Amino acid sequence: MFGNEFNNHRSGYGLLSLLANQPSIKHRVFYSFHYKNDAMRAAVIKNIGALDGNMPCSPNEWEEVKKSDNSIKQWINNSMEKRTCCIVLVGTETSGRKWIKYEIKTAWEKGLGVLGIFIHNIKIPNSNFCAKGKNPFVEFTFGKSKFSDIVKCYDPKVITGHGSYHDIASNISAWIEEAISIRKKYS
């Protein structure tokens, strides 16, 4: 199904008033992100009220899960059950990470919509913004097409004083709907 490039690749403030014109559907999403670097930025995105995201493992649970690659794969696969979309939160070092690649591939194969959101301009307490990472979808092919030509990776606009949170909160439901629609075209 995917070219060799794909097979060779770790992956919670809401402003509900911004979501007033968004659909009332609560999307069930799986978040893929580089935990060590991006957990705080991911937490900001996960708290947007229009979404129902995967719950991370507790530190004790993660110690058990990470003991083997098979345990990690099983956790990812189980976490993707009953999800409609995989959102890859793209930070400075997200692209090229083994488990991010696995999550993207698995989400697509399970029929989930897939999209990316650059999170370098998400403001978090006690930290500045980070450097923009690379689009993780450019590393894959789907048939003869570049996966990055199929799957969108959004670079939200910065709104003074708030980073890009407002742009994400205002648009994430539409981005998810579009990702699901795109995935259905390739079923």
Foldseek 3Di string as FASTA:
>chain_A
DWDPLLVVFPFAPEDVVLCPPPDQAAAEEEETEDCVPCVQLRNLLRPHVSYHYFDDDDPVVVVVQPPDPVSVLVVLLVSCPPGAEYEYAFEAPGARHHNSSVNVVSCLVVLHQYEYEHRQQADDPPDHGHDTHDDNQQSIADVPHRSCVQYYHDYADQDPPGGRSSRCSNCVSVSRVVSSVSSVVVD
